[in-house]
Amino acid sequence: GQAIFDGLKAFRGADGNVRLFRANDHAARLNRSAHYLCIPELPVDIVAESFRALVEIDQNWVPKKAGTSMYIRPTVIATETFLGVHPSHSYLYYVIAGPVGAYYKEGMNPVKILASDTHVRAVKGGLGAAKTAGNYAASLLGAEEAMQAGYTQVLWLDGVEHKYLDEVGTMNIMLKIGDEILTPPLNGAILAGVTRDSVLALLRSWGHKVTERPISIDEVLAAAKAGTLEMWGTGTAAVISPVGELGYKGERYVIGDGKTGALTQKLYDTIVGIQYGTAPDPFGWTRMLGNRVGG
């Protein structure tokens, strides 16, 4: 059961150079996940260097087409040959990588998500804040039922009251109601997304009012009915994913006429621009790799 991982990307820009996006932050998050599962932490600089070394050697596998990238997955698993319940005394750290396209079949088009009032992914005091295999296994049944009902993902609600937004299965959730931007707080039950942090930094630098607080599903539905809601997900795989429809208790609520909101599009364009080197990088999030000789 001791299995943790993380996920980041390398991007080939129009200039041909390959860039890693927030590698040190992903390495630090791997260590936070390790803490939750009693796995020894690794020096952040060594983990980040392992990303760079692998991608630099295999950079010919970083695709050139717009919207593509190389996905990098650092992983730690327990390897002690012992039957019992205690932290392992040995572990394997490894990194795998491969070229990827858009995560959702919809691409940047709005997705449909289902707020589940029957399944629970995580609770405070558990492992919700860790990127561990068990969290994703716990989400599979709810996700399958959502897909059978015509939705792309599940919007998980809190595990106690089934009332407050937590996160979507593969991304953090954000919304704009009127002039205020809202996102659930890092309460121990959701993952501290690196893209989430990037979006919050951008929004605040643009002068937007951003609030991290509990958000009830009733508040979201009321805004959807009033036509004042813009909603999107943030994550490494999808970057920014607009939400065009929300399901809850057998009802479907269309958000923003099912179209991508203006702020959602601006966030996507800005982050993708930074990742591919076509926009300024004011926060110093990217790291350019050296060119492989003879590649």
C-alpha atoms as a PDB file:
ATOM      1  CA  GLY A   1       0.000   0.000   0.000  1.00  0.00           C
ATOM      2  CA  GLN A   2       2.982   2.357   0.267  1.00  0.00           C
ATOM      3  CA  ALA A   3       2.945   3.812  -3.238  1.00  0.00           C
ATOM      4  CA  ILE A   4       3.284   7.506  -4.088  1.00  0.00           C
ATOM      5  CA  PHE A   5       3.857   9.353  -7.324  1.00  0.00           C
ATOM      6  CA  ASP A   6       3.739  12.766  -8.899  1.00  0.00           C
ATOM      7  CA  GLY A   7       3.302  14.141 -12.398  1.00  0.00           C
ATOM      8  CA  LEU A   8       4.858  16.991 -14.320  1.00  0.00           C
ATOM      9  CA  LYS A   9       5.540  17.842 -17.935  1.00  0.00           C
ATOM     10  CA  ALA A  10       8.274  18.885 -20.334  1.00  0.00           C
ATOM     11  CA  PHE A  11       7.306  21.100 -23.282  1.00  0.00           C
ATOM     12  CA  ARG A  12       8.989  21.733 -26.620  1.00  0.00           C
ATOM     13  CA  GLY A  13       8.622  25.359 -27.560  1.00  0.00           C
ATOM     14  CA  ALA A  14       8.352  26.936 -30.972  1.00  0.00           C
ATOM     15  CA  ASP A  15      12.065  27.739 -30.606  1.00  0.00           C
ATOM     16  CA  GLY A  16      12.802  24.004 -30.386  1.00  0.00           C
ATOM     17  CA  ASN A  17      13.957  24.189 -26.774  1.00  0.00           C
ATOM     18  CA  VAL A  18      12.564  21.840 -24.131  1.00  0.00           C
ATOM     19  CA  ARG A  19      11.339  23.275 -20.829  1.00  0.00           C
ATOM     20  CA  LEU A  20      10.363  21.677 -17.528  1.00  0.00           C
ATOM     21  CA  PHE A  21       7.520  23.355 -15.654  1.00  0.00           C
ATOM     22  CA  ARG A  22       7.907  23.828 -11.872  1.00  0.00           C
ATOM     23  CA  ALA A  23      10.120  20.770 -11.434  1.00  0.00           C
ATOM     24  CA  ASN A  24      11.283  21.660  -7.918  1.00  0.00           C
ATOM     25  CA  ASP A  25       7.711  22.179  -6.739  1.00  0.00           C
ATOM     26  CA  HIS A  26       6.734  18.740  -7.976  1.00  0.00           C
ATOM     27  CA  ALA A  27       9.767  17.233  -6.248  1.00  0.00           C
ATOM     28  CA  ALA A  28       8.753  18.953  -3.011  1.00  0.00           C
ATOM     29  CA  ARG A  29       5.205  17.638  -3.345  1.00  0.00           C
ATOM     30  CA  LEU A  30       6.528  14.101  -3.801  1.00  0.00           C
ATOM     31  CA  ASN A  31       8.167  14.500  -0.402  1.00  0.00           C
ATOM     32  CA  ARG A  32       4.931  15.738   1.160  1.00  0.00           C
ATOM     33  CA  SER A  33       3.202  12.618  -0.126  1.00  0.00           C
ATOM     34  CA  ALA A  34       6.062  10.544   1.281  1.00  0.00           C
ATOM     35  CA  HIS A  35       5.509  12.052   4.720  1.00  0.00           C
ATOM     36  CA  TYR A  36       1.863  10.939   4.780  1.00  0.00           C
ATOM     37  CA  LEU A  37       2.853   7.331   4.026  1.00  0.00           C
ATOM     38  CA  CYS A  38       5.928   7.081   6.280  1.00  0.00           C
ATOM     39  CA  ILE A  39       8.257   6.903   3.282  1.00  0.00           C
ATOM     40  CA  PRO A  40      11.715   8.483   3.674  1.00  0.00           C
ATOM     41  CA  GLU A  41      12.000  11.793   1.874  1.00  0.00           C
ATOM     42  CA  LEU A  42      14.518  12.431  -0.892  1.00  0.00           C
ATOM     43  CA  PRO A  43      16.517  15.658  -1.370  1.00  0.00           C
ATOM     44  CA  VAL A  44      14.432  17.947  -3.581  1.00  0.00           C
ATOM     45  CA  ASP A  45      17.403  18.966  -5.705  1.00  0.00           C
ATOM     46  CA  ILE A  46      18.277  15.335  -6.463  1.00  0.00           C
ATOM     47  CA  VAL A  47      14.683  14.505  -7.433  1.00  0.00           C
ATOM     48  CA  ALA A  48      14.483  17.588  -9.670  1.00  0.00           C
ATOM     49  CA  GLU A  49      17.825  16.665 -11.221  1.00  0.00           C
ATOM     50  CA  SER A  50      16.512  13.177 -12.003  1.00  0.00           C
ATOM     51  CA  PHE A  51      13.702  14.790 -14.014  1.00  0.00           C
ATOM     52  CA  ARG A  52      16.174  16.922 -15.929  1.00  0.00           C
ATOM     53  CA  ALA A  53      18.599  14.067 -16.567  1.00  0.00           C
ATOM     54  CA  LEU A  54      15.951  11.695 -17.921  1.00  0.00           C
ATOM     55  CA  VAL A  55      14.267  14.262 -20.156  1.00  0.00           C
ATOM     56  CA  GLU A  56      17.567  15.593 -21.428  1.00  0.00           C
ATOM     57  CA  ILE A  57      18.623  12.098 -22.505  1.00  0.00           C
ATOM     58  CA  ASP A  58      15.193  11.263 -23.978  1.00  0.00           C
ATOM     59  CA  GLN A  59      14.325  14.718 -25.295  1.00  0.00           C
ATOM     60  CA  ASN A  60      13.818  13.412 -28.829  1.00  0.00           C
ATOM     61  CA  TRP A  61      10.634  11.879 -27.405  1.00  0.00           C
ATOM     62  CA  VAL A  62       9.265  15.305 -26.461  1.00  0.00           C
ATOM     63  CA  PRO A  63       6.730  15.893 -29.266  1.00  0.00           C
ATOM     64  CA  LYS A  64       6.691  19.037 -31.402  1.00  0.00           C
ATOM     65  CA  LYS A  65       2.985  19.354 -32.193  1.00  0.00           C
ATOM     66  CA  ALA A  66       1.060  22.137 -30.439  1.00  0.00           C
ATOM     67  CA  GLY A  67      -0.792  20.903 -27.366  1.00  0.00           C
ATOM     68  CA  THR A  68       1.533  17.946 -26.811  1.00  0.00           C
ATOM     69  CA  SER A  69       4.209  17.374 -24.191  1.00  0.00           C
ATOM     70  CA  MET A  70       6.191  14.724 -22.361  1.00  0.00           C
ATOM     71  CA  TYR A  71       4.566  13.508 -19.159  1.00  0.00           C
ATOM     72  CA  ILE A  72       6.989  12.631 -16.349  1.00  0.00           C
ATOM     73  CA  ARG A  73       5.965  10.361 -13.495  1.00  0.00           C
ATOM     74  CA  PRO A  74       8.296  10.000 -10.482  1.00  0.00           C
ATOM     75  CA  THR A  75       7.210   7.083  -8.301  1.00  0.00           C
ATOM     76  CA  VAL A  76       8.186   5.493  -4.984  1.00  0.00           C
ATOM     77  CA  ILE A  77       7.015   2.021  -3.976  1.00  0.00           C
ATOM     78  CA  ALA A  78       7.766  -0.181  -0.971  1.00  0.00           C
ATOM     79  CA  THR A  79       9.898  -3.229  -1.793  1.00  0.00           C
ATOM     80  CA  GLU A  80      10.543  -5.029   1.504  1.00  0.00           C
ATOM     81  CA  THR A  81       9.735  -8.759   1.287  1.00  0.00           C
ATOM     82  CA  PHE A  82       7.745  -8.952   4.494  1.00  0.00           C
ATOM     83  CA  LEU A  83       4.126  -9.804   5.275  1.00  0.00           C
ATOM     84  CA  GLY A  84       2.816  -7.500   7.971  1.00  0.00           C
ATOM     85  CA  VAL A  85       1.652  -3.969   8.760  1.00  0.00           C
ATOM     86  CA  HIS A  86       4.552  -1.605   9.199  1.00  0.00           C
ATOM     87  CA  PRO A  87       6.472   0.879   7.058  1.00  0.00           C
ATOM     88  CA  SER A  88       8.786  -0.844   4.625  1.00  0.00           C
ATOM     89  CA  HIS A  89      12.533  -0.833   5.273  1.00  0.00           C
ATOM     90  CA  SER A  90      13.340  -0.577   1.555  1.00  0.00           C
ATOM     91  CA  TYR A  91      11.912   1.404  -1.347  1.00  0.00           C
ATOM     92  CA  LEU A  92      12.359   1.873  -5.073  1.00  0.00           C
ATOM     93  CA  TYR A  93      12.373   5.336  -6.642  1.00  0.00           C
ATOM     94  CA  TYR A  94      11.978   5.487 -10.399  1.00  0.00           C
ATOM     95  CA  VAL A  95      10.859   7.901 -13.099  1.00  0.00           C
ATOM     96  CA  ILE A  96       8.951   7.045 -16.266  1.00  0.00           C
ATOM     97  CA  ALA A  97       8.161   9.385 -19.145  1.00  0.00           C
ATOM     98  CA  GLY A  98       6.297   9.377 -22.409  1.00  0.00           C
ATOM     99  CA  PRO A  99       4.786  11.710 -25.018  1.00  0.00           C
ATOM    100  CA  VAL A 100       1.170  12.741 -24.451  1.00  0.00           C
ATOM    101  CA  GLY A 101      -1.565  14.782 -26.119  1.00  0.00           C
ATOM    102  CA  ALA A 102      -4.697  16.305 -24.604  1.00  0.00           C
ATOM    103  CA  TYR A 103      -5.789  14.533 -21.403  1.00  0.00           C
ATOM    104  CA  TYR A 104      -9.527  14.776 -22.028  1.00  0.00           C
ATOM    105  CA  LYS A 105     -11.048  13.822 -25.369  1.00  0.00           C
ATOM    106  CA  GLU A 106     -12.784  17.207 -25.268  1.00  0.00           C
ATOM    107  CA  GLY A 107      -9.398  18.958 -25.264  1.00  0.00           C
ATOM    108  CA  MET A 108      -9.955  22.599 -24.262  1.00  0.00           C
ATOM    109  CA  ASN A 109     -13.692  22.275 -24.887  1.00  0.00           C
ATOM    110  CA  PRO A 110     -15.915  22.363 -21.769  1.00  0.00           C
ATOM    111  CA  VAL A 111     -16.326  19.084 -19.889  1.00  0.00           C
ATOM    112  CA  LYS A 112     -19.300  17.705 -17.986  1.00  0.00           C
ATOM    113  CA  ILE A 113     -18.763  16.733 -14.340  1.00  0.00           C
ATOM    114  CA  LEU A 114     -21.006  14.995 -11.825  1.00  0.00           C
ATOM    115  CA  ALA A 115     -21.088  16.018  -8.167  1.00  0.00           C
ATOM    116  CA  SER A 116     -21.404  12.726  -6.303  1.00  0.00           C
ATOM    117  CA  ASP A 117     -23.626  12.500  -3.240  1.00  0.00           C
ATOM    118  CA  THR A 118     -23.071   8.751  -2.819  1.00  0.00           C
ATOM    119  CA  HIS A 119     -19.315   8.120  -3.090  1.00  0.00           C
ATOM    120  CA  VAL A 120     -16.430   9.490  -1.004  1.00  0.00           C
ATOM    121  CA  ARG A 121     -12.835   9.822  -2.169  1.00  0.00           C
ATOM    122  CA  ALA A 122     -11.147  11.135   0.993  1.00  0.00           C
ATOM    123  CA  VAL A 123     -11.773  12.714   4.394  1.00  0.00           C
ATOM    124  CA  LYS A 124      -9.824  15.120   6.578  1.00  0.00           C
ATOM    125  CA  GLY A 125      -7.214  13.243   8.559  1.00  0.00           C
ATOM    126  CA  GLY A 126      -6.800  10.678   5.803  1.00  0.00           C
ATOM    127  CA  LEU A 127      -4.619  10.582   2.707  1.00  0.00           C
ATOM    128  CA  GLY A 128      -6.518  13.039   0.505  1.00  0.00           C
ATOM    129  CA  ALA A 129      -3.618  15.493   0.439  1.00  0.00           C
ATOM    130  CA  ALA A 130      -1.148  12.817  -0.707  1.00  0.00           C
ATOM    131  CA  LYS A 131      -0.680  11.752  -4.305  1.00  0.00           C
ATOM    132  CA  THR A 132      -0.919   8.076  -3.481  1.00  0.00           C
ATOM    133  CA  ALA A 133      -2.215   5.122  -5.473  1.00  0.00           C
ATOM    134  CA  GLY A 134      -4.995   4.404  -2.975  1.00  0.00           C
ATOM    135  CA  ASN A 135      -6.661   7.773  -3.575  1.00  0.00           C
ATOM    136  CA  TYR A 136      -7.052   7.042  -7.253  1.00  0.00           C
ATOM    137  CA  ALA A 137      -8.256   3.495  -6.636  1.00  0.00           C
ATOM    138  CA  ALA A 138     -10.910   4.944  -4.307  1.00  0.00           C
ATOM    139  CA  SER A 139     -12.158   7.194  -7.115  1.00  0.00           C
ATOM    140  CA  LEU A 140     -12.606   4.530  -9.792  1.00  0.00           C
ATOM    141  CA  LEU A 141     -16.136   3.274  -9.028  1.00  0.00           C
ATOM    142  CA  GLY A 142     -17.603   6.759  -8.777  1.00  0.00           C
ATOM    143  CA  ALA A 143     -15.812   7.793 -11.970  1.00  0.00           C
ATOM    144  CA  GLU A 144     -17.126   4.750 -13.840  1.00  0.00           C
ATOM    145  CA  GLU A 145     -20.694   5.505 -12.796  1.00  0.00           C
ATOM    146  CA  ALA A 146     -20.256   9.145 -13.818  1.00  0.00           C
ATOM    147  CA  MET A 147     -18.986   8.148 -17.269  1.00  0.00           C
ATOM    148  CA  GLN A 148     -21.904   5.774 -17.734  1.00  0.00           C
ATOM    149  CA  ALA A 149     -24.200   8.739 -17.044  1.00  0.00           C
ATOM    150  CA  GLY A 150     -22.456  10.841 -19.710  1.00  0.00           C
ATOM    151  CA  TYR A 151     -20.005  12.793 -17.560  1.00  0.00           C
ATOM    152  CA  THR A 152     -16.237  13.110 -17.913  1.00  0.00           C
ATOM    153  CA  GLN A 153     -15.284  13.239 -14.221  1.00  0.00           C
ATOM    154  CA  VAL A 154     -16.608  13.283 -10.668  1.00  0.00           C
ATOM    155  CA  LEU A 155     -16.688  16.414  -8.550  1.00  0.00           C
ATOM    156  CA  TRP A 156     -16.059  14.996  -5.088  1.00  0.00           C
ATOM    157  CA  LEU A 157     -17.822  16.532  -2.111  1.00  0.00           C
ATOM    158  CA  ASP A 158     -16.539  16.417   1.458  1.00  0.00           C
ATOM    159  CA  GLY A 159     -16.632  13.002   3.094  1.00  0.00           C
ATOM    160  CA  VAL A 160     -18.550  14.044   6.216  1.00  0.00           C
ATOM    161  CA  GLU A 161     -21.497  16.218   5.167  1.00  0.00           C
ATOM    162  CA  HIS A 162     -21.460  15.564   1.394  1.00  0.00           C
ATOM    163  CA  LYS A 163     -22.027  19.311   1.094  1.00  0.00           C
ATOM    164  CA  TYR A 164     -18.780  21.131   0.326  1.00  0.00           C
ATOM    165  CA  LEU A 165     -16.638  20.939  -2.812  1.00  0.00           C
ATOM    166  CA  ASP A 166     -13.340  19.055  -2.522  1.00  0.00           C
ATOM    167  CA  GLU A 167     -11.823  18.423  -5.956  1.00  0.00           C
ATOM    168  CA  VAL A 168     -12.411  16.664  -9.248  1.00  0.00           C
ATOM    169  CA  GLY A 169     -10.797  13.256  -9.721  1.00  0.00           C
ATOM    170  CA  THR A 170      -7.879  14.565 -11.779  1.00  0.00           C
ATOM    171  CA  MET A 171      -7.825  18.264 -10.976  1.00  0.00           C
ATOM    172  CA  ASN A 172      -8.569  20.966  -8.434  1.00  0.00           C
ATOM    173  CA  ILE A 173     -11.736  22.979  -8.931  1.00  0.00           C
ATOM    174  CA  MET A 174     -12.166  26.751  -9.169  1.00  0.00           C
ATOM    175  CA  LEU A 175     -15.129  29.001  -9.878  1.00  0.00           C
ATOM    176  CA  LYS A 176     -15.977  32.620 -10.402  1.00  0.00           C
ATOM    177  CA  ILE A 177     -19.233  33.974  -8.981  1.00  0.00           C
ATOM    178  CA  GLY A 178     -19.757  37.576  -9.929  1.00  0.00           C
ATOM    179  CA  ASP A 179     -16.396  39.297  -9.352  1.00  0.00           C
ATOM    180  CA  GLU A 180     -15.059  36.815  -6.789  1.00  0.00           C
ATOM    181  CA  ILE A 181     -12.924  33.764  -7.569  1.00  0.00           C
ATOM    182  CA  LEU A 182     -13.338  30.842  -5.193  1.00  0.00           C
ATOM    183  CA  THR A 183     -11.550  27.559  -4.592  1.00  0.00           C
ATOM    184  CA  PRO A 184     -11.703  25.048  -1.727  1.00  0.00           C
ATOM    185  CA  PRO A 185      -8.972  25.474   0.911  1.00  0.00           C
ATOM    186  CA  LEU A 186      -6.152  22.974   1.395  1.00  0.00           C
ATOM    187  CA  ASN A 187      -7.840  21.265   4.318  1.00  0.00           C
ATOM    188  CA  GLY A 188      -5.992  17.939   4.251  1.00  0.00           C
ATOM    189  CA  ALA A 189      -8.580  16.212   2.065  1.00  0.00           C
ATOM    190  CA  ILE A 190      -7.501  17.573  -1.319  1.00  0.00           C
ATOM    191  CA  LEU A 191      -4.251  17.679  -3.254  1.00  0.00           C
ATOM    192  CA  ALA A 192      -2.175  20.856  -3.245  1.00  0.00           C
ATOM    193  CA  GLY A 193      -2.080  21.159  -7.012  1.00  0.00           C
ATOM    194  CA  VAL A 194       0.928  22.849  -8.595  1.00  0.00           C
ATOM    195  CA  THR A 195      -1.274  24.167 -11.411  1.00  0.00           C
ATOM    196  CA  ARG A 196      -3.754  25.332  -8.746  1.00  0.00           C
ATOM    197  CA  ASP A 197      -0.958  27.315  -7.112  1.00  0.00           C
ATOM    198  CA  SER A 198       0.112  28.705 -10.493  1.00  0.00           C
ATOM    199  CA  VAL A 199      -3.410  29.901 -11.261  1.00  0.00           C
ATOM    200  CA  LEU A 200      -3.822  31.535  -7.845  1.00  0.00           C
ATOM    201  CA  ALA A 201      -0.515  33.365  -8.295  1.00  0.00           C
ATOM    202  CA  LEU A 202      -1.547  34.622 -11.739  1.00  0.00           C
ATOM    203  CA  LEU A 203      -5.006  35.710 -10.608  1.00  0.00           C
ATOM    204  CA  ARG A 204      -3.634  37.656  -7.653  1.00  0.00           C
ATOM    205  CA  SER A 205      -0.971  39.283  -9.830  1.00  0.00           C
ATOM    206  CA  TRP A 206      -3.796  40.423 -12.145  1.00  0.00           C
ATOM    207  CA  GLY A 207      -5.611  42.053  -9.220  1.00  0.00           C
ATOM    208  CA  HIS A 208      -8.493  39.606  -8.895  1.00  0.00           C
ATOM    209  CA  LYS A 209     -10.197  38.935  -5.581  1.00  0.00           C
ATOM    210  CA  VAL A 210      -9.421  35.306  -4.749  1.00  0.00           C
ATOM    211  CA  THR A 211     -10.860  33.484  -1.738  1.00  0.00           C
ATOM    212  CA  GLU A 212      -9.933  30.021  -0.482  1.00  0.00           C
ATOM    213  CA  ARG A 213     -12.879  28.855   1.603  1.00  0.00           C
ATOM    214  CA  PRO A 214     -15.439  26.047   1.886  1.00  0.00           C
ATOM    215  CA  ILE A 215     -17.910  26.220  -1.020  1.00  0.00           C
ATOM    216  CA  SER A 216     -21.231  24.444  -0.715  1.00  0.00           C
ATOM    217  CA  ILE A 217     -22.779  22.658  -3.678  1.00  0.00           C
ATOM    218  CA  ASP A 218     -25.977  24.650  -3.048  1.00  0.00           C
ATOM    219  CA  GLU A 219     -24.060  27.914  -3.533  1.00  0.00           C
ATOM    220  CA  VAL A 220     -22.658  26.627  -6.826  1.00  0.00           C
ATOM    221  CA  LEU A 221     -26.051  25.497  -8.110  1.00  0.00           C
ATOM    222  CA  ALA A 222     -27.643  28.829  -7.171  1.00  0.00           C
ATOM    223  CA  ALA A 223     -24.971  30.690  -9.163  1.00  0.00           C
ATOM    224  CA  ALA A 224     -25.447  28.321 -12.109  1.00  0.00           C
ATOM    225  CA  LYS A 225     -29.197  28.981 -12.101  1.00  0.00           C
ATOM    226  CA  ALA A 226     -28.598  32.734 -11.858  1.00  0.00           C
ATOM    227  CA  GLY A 227     -26.164  32.674 -14.765  1.00  0.00           C
ATOM    228  CA  THR A 228     -23.335  34.187 -12.694  1.00  0.00           C
ATOM    229  CA  LEU A 229     -21.084  31.120 -12.586  1.00  0.00           C
ATOM    230  CA  GLU A 230     -17.836  30.373 -14.431  1.00  0.00           C
ATOM    231  CA  MET A 231     -16.137  27.092 -13.490  1.00  0.00           C
ATOM    232  CA  TRP A 232     -12.888  25.359 -14.402  1.00  0.00           C
ATOM    233  CA  GLY A 233     -10.493  22.680 -13.222  1.00  0.00           C
ATOM    234  CA  THR A 234      -6.719  22.971 -12.837  1.00  0.00           C
ATOM    235  CA  GLY A 235      -4.194  20.161 -13.122  1.00  0.00           C
ATOM    236  CA  THR A 236      -0.942  19.083 -14.724  1.00  0.00           C
ATOM    237  CA  ALA A 237      -2.641  16.721 -17.169  1.00  0.00           C
ATOM    238  CA  ALA A 238      -5.386  19.044 -18.448  1.00  0.00           C
ATOM    239  CA  VAL A 239      -3.761  22.393 -17.456  1.00  0.00           C
ATOM    240  CA  ILE A 240      -7.063  24.344 -17.436  1.00  0.00           C
ATOM    241  CA  SER A 241     -10.317  22.530 -18.168  1.00  0.00           C
ATOM    242  CA  PRO A 242     -13.523  24.577 -18.507  1.00  0.00           C
ATOM    243  CA  VAL A 243     -16.668  23.071 -16.977  1.00  0.00           C
ATOM    244  CA  GLY A 244     -19.730  23.451 -19.192  1.00  0.00           C
ATOM    245  CA  GLU A 245     -22.196  21.267 -17.309  1.00  0.00           C
ATOM    246  CA  LEU A 246     -22.617  20.134 -13.712  1.00  0.00           C
ATOM    247  CA  GLY A 247     -24.781  17.214 -12.656  1.00  0.00           C
ATOM    248  CA  TYR A 248     -26.189  16.703  -9.171  1.00  0.00           C
ATOM    249  CA  LYS A 249     -28.917  14.403  -7.859  1.00  0.00           C
ATOM    250  CA  GLY A 250     -30.338  13.649 -11.267  1.00  0.00           C
ATOM    251  CA  GLU A 251     -30.400  17.279 -12.425  1.00  0.00           C
ATOM    252  CA  ARG A 252     -28.117  18.866 -15.031  1.00  0.00           C
ATOM    253  CA  TYR A 253     -27.011  22.489 -14.815  1.00  0.00           C
ATOM    254  CA  VAL A 254     -25.468  24.208 -17.845  1.00  0.00           C
ATOM    255  CA  ILE A 255     -22.694  26.669 -16.977  1.00  0.00           C
ATOM    256  CA  GLY A 256     -21.991  29.705 -19.141  1.00  0.00           C
ATOM    257  CA  ASP A 257     -24.151  28.394 -21.989  1.00  0.00           C
ATOM    258  CA  GLY A 258     -21.808  25.415 -22.118  1.00  0.00           C
ATOM    259  CA  LYS A 259     -18.975  27.588 -23.461  1.00  0.00           C
ATOM    260  CA  THR A 260     -15.491  28.407 -22.202  1.00  0.00           C
ATOM    261  CA  GLY A 261     -15.476  31.523 -20.014  1.00  0.00           C
ATOM    262  CA  ALA A 262     -13.237  34.504 -20.758  1.00  0.00           C
ATOM    263  CA  LEU A 263     -11.166  34.178 -17.587  1.00  0.00           C
ATOM    264  CA  THR A 264     -10.795  30.427 -18.073  1.00  0.00           C
ATOM    265  CA  GLN A 265      -9.453  31.000 -21.585  1.00  0.00           C
ATOM    266  CA  LYS A 266      -7.060  33.724 -20.400  1.00  0.00           C
ATOM    267  CA  LEU A 267      -5.644  31.437 -17.701  1.00  0.00           C
ATOM    268  CA  TYR A 268      -5.160  28.611 -20.188  1.00  0.00           C
ATOM    269  CA  ASP A 269      -3.479  30.851 -22.757  1.00  0.00           C
ATOM    270  CA  THR A 270      -1.170  32.378 -20.159  1.00  0.00           C
ATOM    271  CA  ILE A 271      -0.003  29.144 -18.543  1.00  0.00           C
ATOM    272  CA  VAL A 272       0.436  27.354 -21.867  1.00  0.00           C
ATOM    273  CA  GLY A 273       2.343  30.375 -23.141  1.00  0.00           C
ATOM    274  CA  ILE A 274       4.724  30.164 -20.187  1.00  0.00           C
ATOM    275  CA  GLN A 275       5.139  26.404 -20.612  1.00  0.00           C
ATOM    276  CA  TYR A 276       5.981  26.646 -24.320  1.00  0.00           C
ATOM    277  CA  GLY A 277       8.128  29.762 -23.969  1.00  0.00           C
ATOM    278  CA  THR A 278       5.876  32.048 -26.013  1.00  0.00           C
ATOM    279  CA  ALA A 279       4.885  34.250 -23.057  1.00  0.00           C
ATOM    280  CA  PRO A 280       6.894  35.932 -20.270  1.00  0.00           C
ATOM    281  CA  ASP A 281       7.673  33.782 -17.221  1.00  0.00           C
ATOM    282  CA  PRO A 282       7.505  36.368 -14.401  1.00  0.00           C
ATOM    283  CA  PHE A 283       7.569  33.756 -11.644  1.00  0.00           C
ATOM    284  CA  GLY A 284      10.543  31.778 -13.002  1.00  0.00           C
ATOM    285  CA  TRP A 285       8.529  28.555 -13.272  1.00  0.00           C
ATOM    286  CA  THR A 286      10.283  26.999 -16.289  1.00  0.00           C
ATOM    287  CA  ARG A 287      13.708  25.421 -16.595  1.00  0.00           C
ATOM    288  CA  MET A 288      15.239  25.110 -20.038  1.00  0.00           C
ATOM    289  CA  LEU A 289      17.127  21.931 -20.831  1.00  0.00           C
ATOM    290  CA  GLY A 290      20.357  21.652 -22.741  1.00  0.00           C
ATOM    291  CA  ASN A 291      20.293  20.199 -26.249  1.00  0.00           C
ATOM    292  CA  ARG A 292      21.398  16.616 -26.537  1.00  0.00           C
ATOM    293  CA  VAL A 293      24.478  16.310 -28.721  1.00  0.00           C
ATOM    294  CA  GLY A 294      23.972  13.978 -31.639  1.00  0.00           C
ATOM    295  CA  GLY A 295      20.269  13.541 -30.889  1.00  0.00           C
END
